[in-house]
Amino acid sequence: MMIFRAEGRNAANAPTLIDMKSPFALLLLSFPFAGWLHAGPESIERLDPALDRYFAAEVEIETLCQGFRWSEGPVWDEAGERLLFSDVPVNKVYQWKEGDAEATVFLDPSGFTGNDRSDGEPGSNGLMFDARGRLLSCEHGDRRVSVLTPLGGKMTVADRFEGKRFNSPNDLAVHPDGSIWFTDPPYGLPRGQEEKSRELDFHGVFRWSENGGVTLIHRDLERPNGIAFSPDAKTLYVANSHAPRPVILAFPVKEDGGVGEAKVFFDAKGLEGPGMPDGLKVHPDGTVFATGPGGVLVISPAGKLLGRILCTRPTANLAFGPETRCLFITSQDRLLRVNLKTNP
């Protein structure tokens, strides 16, 4: 089953079709949104006056480039003055710089180095820089978290828990102490949860540290996905991309590297629009910007929905630009940008 034709250009310079048999397409079918696919234009939905702290009255939602299969995992590269983001199905990381009409390939392959993975989501997903300025990647196909070395080669950070391979690390966050926290749903496996080579019987949230290796943080979410820390690193947010329970959880972070009992920070059930809780980032003032039904949800530190950036298509992830002056958004086949007020 094919759902729509993208009008942009992919890496092969040809129109793209989304294959609804692939695991990532399950996200597209989780909400009734047929009328949204070609709806437009993109807009800001203001639900609370507090949203005006972030967006000017006539703010523009720019399309910077398009034509991707499923854009994901954006991160701003301060040193290179560019945005890096994954196109998961085509196994590439792209880069975009100010003034560029199109994105160019930065890494190929990005998340699978084998010989036969033309289906599903083999590429990298979430990207992040560590404290040393090295690029970290969640690699679906190779089922690991990796780091790109200064000379260009990759090293494995983590690929197993208690001797068993991960499902497909999806997104990650770096704690101030240098530890790497990441989620592990089944989306990158060739047959998803039914994949015969799957070794873990749960979808976990994990922590890696240089001295302690990999520890399990949480194992009771159906589809753990986006992950981020509060500005003081005392709260860990994790999105659950699961239609029956589309929530963002908040975990108190303990000094020993563990977490306390999770609380529902935000429940997206009942919100209209394509998509569900997926990627998220936290503004320096503690406000959570999270992808979800309709596009991007702007949620106060107390868990109140202030408004949405309505992207008209399923929206995977986001990243703040330099000095938090803008928000980059990976929305299905496009890279979008919205300017933010610099002193909210």
Protein backbone atom coordinates (compact mmCIF):
# COMPACT_ATOMS: atom_id res chain seq x y z
CA MET A 1 0.00 0.00 0.00
CA MET A 2 1.36 3.44 -0.91
CA ILE A 3 0.06 6.55 0.72
CA PHE A 4 1.37 9.59 -1.18
CA ARG A 5 4.00 10.91 -3.55
CA ALA A 6 6.51 13.46 -2.26
CA GLU A 7 7.07 16.36 -4.63
CA GLY A 8 10.71 16.91 -3.69
CA ARG A 9 13.82 15.05 -4.77
CA ASN A 10 15.47 12.23 -2.88
CA ALA A 11 19.06 11.05 -3.05
CA ALA A 12 18.34 9.32 -6.34
CA ASN A 13 16.81 12.53 -7.76
CA ALA A 14 13.45 10.89 -8.24
CA PRO A 15 10.00 11.25 -6.66
CA THR A 16 9.53 9.08 -3.61
CA LEU A 17 6.76 6.76 -2.49
CA ILE A 18 6.23 5.79 1.12
CA ASP A 19 5.80 2.04 1.49
CA MET A 20 3.12 1.46 4.10
CA LYS A 21 4.36 -2.08 4.73
CA SER A 22 7.52 -0.78 6.39
CA PRO A 23 7.69 -0.60 10.22
CA PHE A 24 8.00 3.19 10.35
CA ALA A 25 4.77 3.54 8.39
CA LEU A 26 2.85 2.24 11.40
CA LEU A 27 3.34 5.71 12.88
CA LEU A 28 1.50 7.20 9.94
CA LEU A 29 -1.53 5.00 10.45
CA SER A 30 -1.90 5.48 14.18
CA PHE A 31 -4.26 8.44 13.88
CA PRO A 32 -7.03 9.19 11.37
CA PHE A 33 -5.48 12.01 9.36
CA ALA A 34 -6.25 11.44 5.69
CA GLY A 35 -7.41 15.02 5.37
CA TRP A 36 -4.11 16.33 6.76
CA LEU A 37 -1.72 14.93 4.16
CA HIS A 38 -2.17 17.76 1.69
CA ALA A 39 -3.68 20.28 4.09
CA GLY A 40 -1.94 23.55 4.57
CA PRO A 41 -0.37 25.86 4.94
CA GLU A 42 1.61 25.19 8.09
CA SER A 43 0.56 27.39 10.97
CA ILE A 44 0.84 28.15 14.69
CA GLU A 45 -2.05 27.10 16.92
CA ARG A 46 -2.08 29.36 19.97
CA LEU A 47 -3.83 27.81 22.96
CA ASP A 48 -2.32 29.93 25.74
CA PRO A 49 -0.93 33.51 25.77
CA ALA A 50 2.33 32.09 27.15
CA LEU A 51 3.08 30.79 23.65
CA ASP A 52 3.70 34.38 22.54
CA ARG A 53 6.95 34.25 24.49
CA TYR A 54 8.40 32.04 21.75
CA PHE A 55 6.77 33.05 18.45
CA ALA A 56 6.17 36.44 16.88
CA ALA A 57 2.63 37.14 15.70
CA GLU A 58 3.47 36.68 12.01
CA VAL A 59 6.22 34.08 12.33
CA GLU A 60 6.99 32.13 9.17
CA ILE A 61 7.32 28.35 8.98
CA GLU A 62 10.00 27.87 6.31
CA THR A 63 10.58 24.79 4.16
CA LEU A 64 14.37 24.63 3.85
CA CYS A 65 14.62 21.50 1.70
CA GLN A 66 12.49 18.46 0.91
CA GLY A 67 12.20 15.16 -0.93
CA PHE A 68 13.34 12.81 1.84
CA ARG A 69 11.79 9.45 2.69
CA TRP A 70 11.58 9.91 6.47
CA SER A 71 13.68 12.74 7.92
CA GLU A 72 14.72 12.30 11.56
CA GLY A 73 17.17 13.02 14.34
CA PRO A 74 18.24 16.64 13.63
CA VAL A 75 21.12 18.20 15.55
CA TRP A 76 22.80 21.59 15.16
CA ASP A 77 26.55 21.37 14.60
CA GLU A 78 28.04 24.50 16.17
CA ALA A 79 31.56 23.85 14.87
CA GLY A 80 30.41 23.24 11.30
CA GLU A 81 27.61 25.83 11.35
CA ARG A 82 25.22 23.32 9.81
CA LEU A 83 22.30 21.10 10.61
CA LEU A 84 22.76 17.33 10.41
CA PHE A 85 19.78 14.99 10.12
CA SER A 86 19.02 11.39 9.20
CA ASP A 87 16.96 10.03 6.33
CA VAL A 88 16.33 6.67 7.93
CA PRO A 89 15.02 4.51 5.05
CA VAL A 90 17.79 5.53 2.63
CA ASN A 91 20.59 5.00 5.20
CA LYS A 92 22.09 8.49 4.97
CA VAL A 93 22.83 11.54 7.11
CA TYR A 94 22.38 14.87 5.33
CA GLN A 95 23.77 18.31 6.10
CA TRP A 96 22.15 21.67 5.47
CA LYS A 97 23.81 25.10 5.72
CA GLU A 98 22.33 28.57 5.60
CA GLY A 99 21.84 29.59 1.99
CA ASP A 100 21.72 26.05 0.63
CA ALA A 101 18.71 25.23 -1.56
CA GLU A 102 19.25 21.50 -1.01
CA ALA A 103 20.82 19.28 1.60
CA THR A 104 23.95 17.31 0.74
CA VAL A 105 25.05 13.88 1.92
CA PHE A 106 27.22 13.91 5.05
CA LEU A 107 27.37 10.17 5.86
CA ASP A 108 26.62 7.22 3.59
CA PRO A 109 25.91 4.66 4.96
CA SER A 110 24.68 6.10 8.21
CA GLY A 111 23.30 3.19 10.21
CA PHE A 112 23.73 -0.11 8.36
CA THR A 113 26.97 -1.40 6.95
CA GLY A 114 25.81 -4.82 5.73
CA ASN A 115 25.00 -5.99 2.22
CA ASP A 116 21.22 -6.45 2.12
CA ARG A 117 18.86 -3.98 3.81
CA SER A 118 16.73 -2.25 1.21
CA ASP A 119 13.57 -2.47 3.34
CA GLY A 120 12.28 -0.68 6.42
CA GLU A 121 14.49 1.70 8.41
CA PRO A 122 18.16 0.61 8.22
CA GLY A 123 19.78 4.03 8.66
CA SER A 124 20.70 6.19 11.61
CA ASN A 125 17.98 7.90 13.60
CA GLY A 126 18.78 10.16 16.55
CA LEU A 127 21.99 12.23 16.40
CA MET A 128 23.71 14.13 19.21
CA PHE A 129 27.09 15.63 20.05
CA ASP A 130 28.96 14.57 23.17
CA ALA A 131 30.93 16.89 25.45
CA ARG A 132 34.03 16.41 23.26
CA GLY A 133 32.17 17.54 20.14
CA ARG A 134 31.98 14.07 18.58
CA LEU A 135 28.87 12.97 16.70
CA LEU A 136 26.87 10.20 18.35
CA SER A 137 24.43 8.15 16.27
CA CYS A 138 21.62 5.74 17.02
CA GLU A 139 22.05 3.17 14.26
CA HIS A 140 19.00 1.08 13.39
CA GLY A 141 20.54 -1.44 11.01
CA ASP A 142 23.73 -2.10 12.97
CA ARG A 143 21.70 -2.03 16.21
CA ARG A 144 24.11 0.14 18.17
CA VAL A 145 25.04 3.58 19.46
CA SER A 146 28.20 4.77 17.72
CA VAL A 147 30.58 7.71 17.83
CA LEU A 148 32.26 9.35 14.83
CA THR A 149 35.96 9.80 15.53
CA PRO A 150 37.94 12.91 14.51
CA LEU A 151 39.58 10.95 11.69
CA GLY A 152 36.21 9.88 10.28
CA GLY A 153 35.91 6.26 11.41
CA LYS A 154 33.14 5.07 13.72
CA MET A 155 33.49 3.25 17.02
CA THR A 156 30.79 1.32 18.85
CA VAL A 157 29.71 2.88 22.12
CA ALA A 158 27.11 0.22 22.99
CA ASP A 159 25.43 -2.60 21.09
CA ARG A 160 24.39 -5.09 23.78
CA PHE A 161 22.73 -5.43 27.16
CA GLU A 162 23.67 -8.48 29.21
CA GLY A 163 25.12 -10.07 26.08
CA LYS A 164 21.98 -9.56 23.94
CA ARG A 165 21.87 -7.21 20.98
CA PHE A 166 19.67 -4.16 21.15
CA ASN A 167 16.55 -3.96 18.98
CA SER A 168 17.36 -0.68 17.17
CA PRO A 169 18.55 2.30 19.24
CA ASN A 170 16.35 5.23 18.27
CA ASP A 171 17.11 8.45 20.11
CA LEU A 172 19.57 9.63 22.74
CA ALA A 173 20.44 12.34 25.24
CA VAL A 174 23.76 13.19 26.88
CA HIS A 175 23.79 13.83 30.63
CA PRO A 176 26.16 16.49 32.04
CA ASP A 177 28.22 13.70 33.62
CA GLY A 178 28.97 12.35 30.12
CA SER A 179 26.68 9.33 30.27
CA ILE A 180 24.55 8.56 27.22
CA TRP A 181 20.88 7.68 27.69
CA PHE A 182 18.97 6.10 24.79
CA THR A 183 15.77 4.35 23.78
CA ASP A 184 15.47 1.00 22.00
CA PRO A 185 12.16 0.32 20.18
CA PRO A 186 11.89 -2.25 17.34
CA TYR A 187 11.35 0.15 14.41
CA GLY A 188 14.69 -0.53 12.75
CA LEU A 189 14.38 -4.31 12.66
CA PRO A 190 13.43 -5.66 9.20
CA ARG A 191 10.15 -7.08 10.52
CA GLY A 192 9.79 -4.92 13.59
CA GLN A 193 8.76 -6.69 16.76
CA GLU A 194 8.27 -9.93 14.79
CA GLU A 195 11.90 -10.02 13.63
CA LYS A 196 13.36 -13.51 14.25
CA SER A 197 16.82 -12.14 15.03
CA ARG A 198 15.46 -10.03 17.87
CA GLU A 199 17.24 -10.88 21.13
CA LEU A 200 15.68 -8.65 23.81
CA ASP A 201 12.05 -9.35 24.69
CA PHE A 202 11.34 -5.77 25.80
CA HIS A 203 11.87 -2.21 24.56
CA GLY A 204 14.09 -0.47 27.02
CA VAL A 205 15.51 2.85 28.06
CA PHE A 206 19.24 2.45 28.73
CA ARG A 207 22.17 4.37 30.17
CA TRP A 208 25.78 3.99 29.08
CA SER A 209 28.70 5.33 31.06
CA GLU A 210 32.40 4.94 30.44
CA ASN A 211 32.99 3.27 33.79
CA GLY A 212 29.71 1.42 34.29
CA GLY A 213 28.87 0.17 30.82
CA VAL A 214 25.19 -0.32 29.94
CA THR A 215 22.50 -0.31 32.60
CA LEU A 216 18.73 -0.64 32.19
CA ILE A 217 16.76 2.43 33.22
CA HIS A 218 13.20 1.37 32.32
CA ARG A 219 11.61 -1.55 30.49
CA ASP A 220 7.84 -1.03 30.66
CA LEU A 221 7.16 1.30 27.73
CA GLU A 222 5.65 -0.19 24.58
CA ARG A 223 7.56 2.07 22.16
CA PRO A 224 10.10 4.32 23.90
CA ASN A 225 11.24 6.95 21.45
CA GLY A 226 12.30 10.58 22.02
CA ILE A 227 14.40 11.33 25.09
CA ALA A 228 15.77 14.50 26.71
CA PHE A 229 16.80 16.01 30.04
CA SER A 230 15.46 19.07 31.79
CA PRO A 231 17.93 21.99 31.95
CA ASP A 232 19.08 20.98 35.45
CA ALA A 233 19.27 17.29 34.38
CA LYS A 234 17.08 16.31 37.33
CA THR A 235 14.23 15.12 35.10
CA LEU A 236 14.36 12.67 32.20
CA TYR A 237 11.60 12.92 29.59
CA VAL A 238 10.77 9.90 27.41
CA ALA A 239 8.12 9.81 24.69
CA ASN A 240 6.07 6.66 24.09
CA SER A 241 5.10 6.34 20.40
CA HIS A 242 2.23 3.96 21.06
CA ALA A 243 -1.30 4.73 19.86
CA PRO A 244 -3.12 3.23 22.88
CA ARG A 245 -0.81 5.14 25.27
CA PRO A 246 0.67 8.19 23.50
CA VAL A 247 2.34 9.81 26.49
CA ILE A 248 5.48 11.62 27.52
CA LEU A 249 6.79 10.36 30.86
CA ALA A 250 8.92 12.29 33.35
CA PHE A 251 11.41 10.40 35.51
CA PRO A 252 13.21 11.95 38.48
CA VAL A 253 16.94 11.35 37.95
CA LYS A 254 18.87 10.10 40.98
CA GLU A 255 22.43 11.04 41.84
CA ASP A 256 23.53 7.41 41.43
CA GLY A 257 22.47 7.40 37.75
CA GLY A 258 19.15 5.67 38.24
CA VAL A 259 15.63 7.07 38.09
CA GLY A 260 12.65 7.21 40.37
CA GLU A 261 9.04 6.39 39.60
CA ALA A 262 7.78 7.84 36.32
CA LYS A 263 4.86 10.23 36.10
CA VAL A 264 2.83 11.09 33.03
CA PHE A 265 4.05 14.54 32.02
CA PHE A 266 1.71 14.86 29.03
CA ASP A 267 -0.97 12.63 27.48
CA ALA A 268 -1.51 13.27 23.77
CA LYS A 269 -4.55 11.05 23.43
CA GLY A 270 -7.45 12.95 21.87
CA LEU A 271 -5.31 15.48 20.04
CA GLU A 272 -6.15 15.64 16.34
CA GLY A 273 -3.60 15.41 13.57
CA PRO A 274 -1.03 13.03 12.14
CA GLY A 275 1.66 11.52 14.32
CA MET A 276 2.20 10.78 18.00
CA PRO A 277 4.79 11.55 20.69
CA ASP A 278 8.19 11.06 19.08
CA GLY A 279 11.24 13.34 19.29
CA LEU A 280 11.54 16.05 21.93
CA LYS A 281 13.91 18.77 23.08
CA VAL A 282 13.83 21.01 26.16
CA HIS A 283 14.23 24.79 25.94
CA PRO A 284 16.71 26.38 28.38
CA ASP A 285 13.74 27.72 30.37
CA GLY A 286 12.34 24.19 30.83
CA THR A 287 9.56 24.29 28.24
CA VAL A 288 9.28 21.03 26.31
CA PHE A 289 9.06 21.11 22.52
CA ALA A 290 7.86 17.67 21.41
CA THR A 291 6.61 16.21 18.16
CA GLY A 292 3.15 14.71 18.40
CA PRO A 293 -0.33 14.81 16.87
CA GLY A 294 -0.46 17.68 14.36
CA GLY A 295 3.23 18.59 14.41
CA VAL A 296 5.16 20.12 17.32
CA LEU A 297 3.63 20.48 20.79
CA VAL A 298 4.85 23.28 23.07
CA ILE A 299 4.36 22.18 26.68
CA SER A 300 5.05 24.18 29.82
CA PRO A 301 7.27 22.70 32.56
CA ALA A 302 4.05 22.01 34.46
CA GLY A 303 2.71 19.87 31.60
CA LYS A 304 0.25 22.37 30.08
CA LEU A 305 -0.12 22.46 26.29
CA LEU A 306 0.55 26.06 25.22
CA GLY A 307 0.12 25.52 21.51
CA ARG A 308 1.24 23.62 18.44
CA ILE A 309 3.19 24.12 15.26
CA LEU A 310 0.84 22.48 12.78
CA CYS A 311 3.04 20.86 10.15
CA THR A 312 0.25 19.15 8.11
CA ARG A 313 2.25 15.91 7.93
CA PRO A 314 3.61 13.38 10.43
CA THR A 315 6.51 15.03 12.25
CA ALA A 316 9.38 13.04 13.69
CA ASN A 317 11.85 15.23 15.54
CA LEU A 318 13.29 18.69 16.14
CA ALA A 319 16.39 20.58 17.24
CA PHE A 320 17.14 24.07 18.46
CA GLY A 321 19.34 26.15 16.22
CA PRO A 322 22.28 28.34 17.28
CA GLU A 323 21.71 30.09 20.62
CA THR A 324 18.11 28.83 20.60
CA ARG A 325 17.21 31.42 17.94
CA CYS A 326 15.24 28.95 15.85
CA LEU A 327 13.70 25.50 15.79
CA PHE A 328 14.50 22.98 13.05
CA ILE A 329 11.82 20.36 12.42
CA THR A 330 12.01 17.10 10.47
CA SER A 331 8.47 16.63 9.15
CA GLN A 332 8.23 13.48 7.03
CA ASP A 333 9.83 14.45 3.69
CA ARG A 334 10.90 17.98 4.67
CA LEU A 335 13.21 20.03 6.83
CA LEU A 336 11.38 23.03 8.31
CA ARG A 337 12.52 26.02 10.35
CA VAL A 338 10.66 28.38 12.69
CA ASN A 339 12.37 31.41 14.24
CA LEU A 340 12.06 31.86 18.00
CA LYS A 341 12.15 34.99 20.09
CA THR A 342 15.64 35.19 21.54
CA ASN A 343 14.63 36.34 25.04
CA PRO A 344 11.35 34.63 25.94
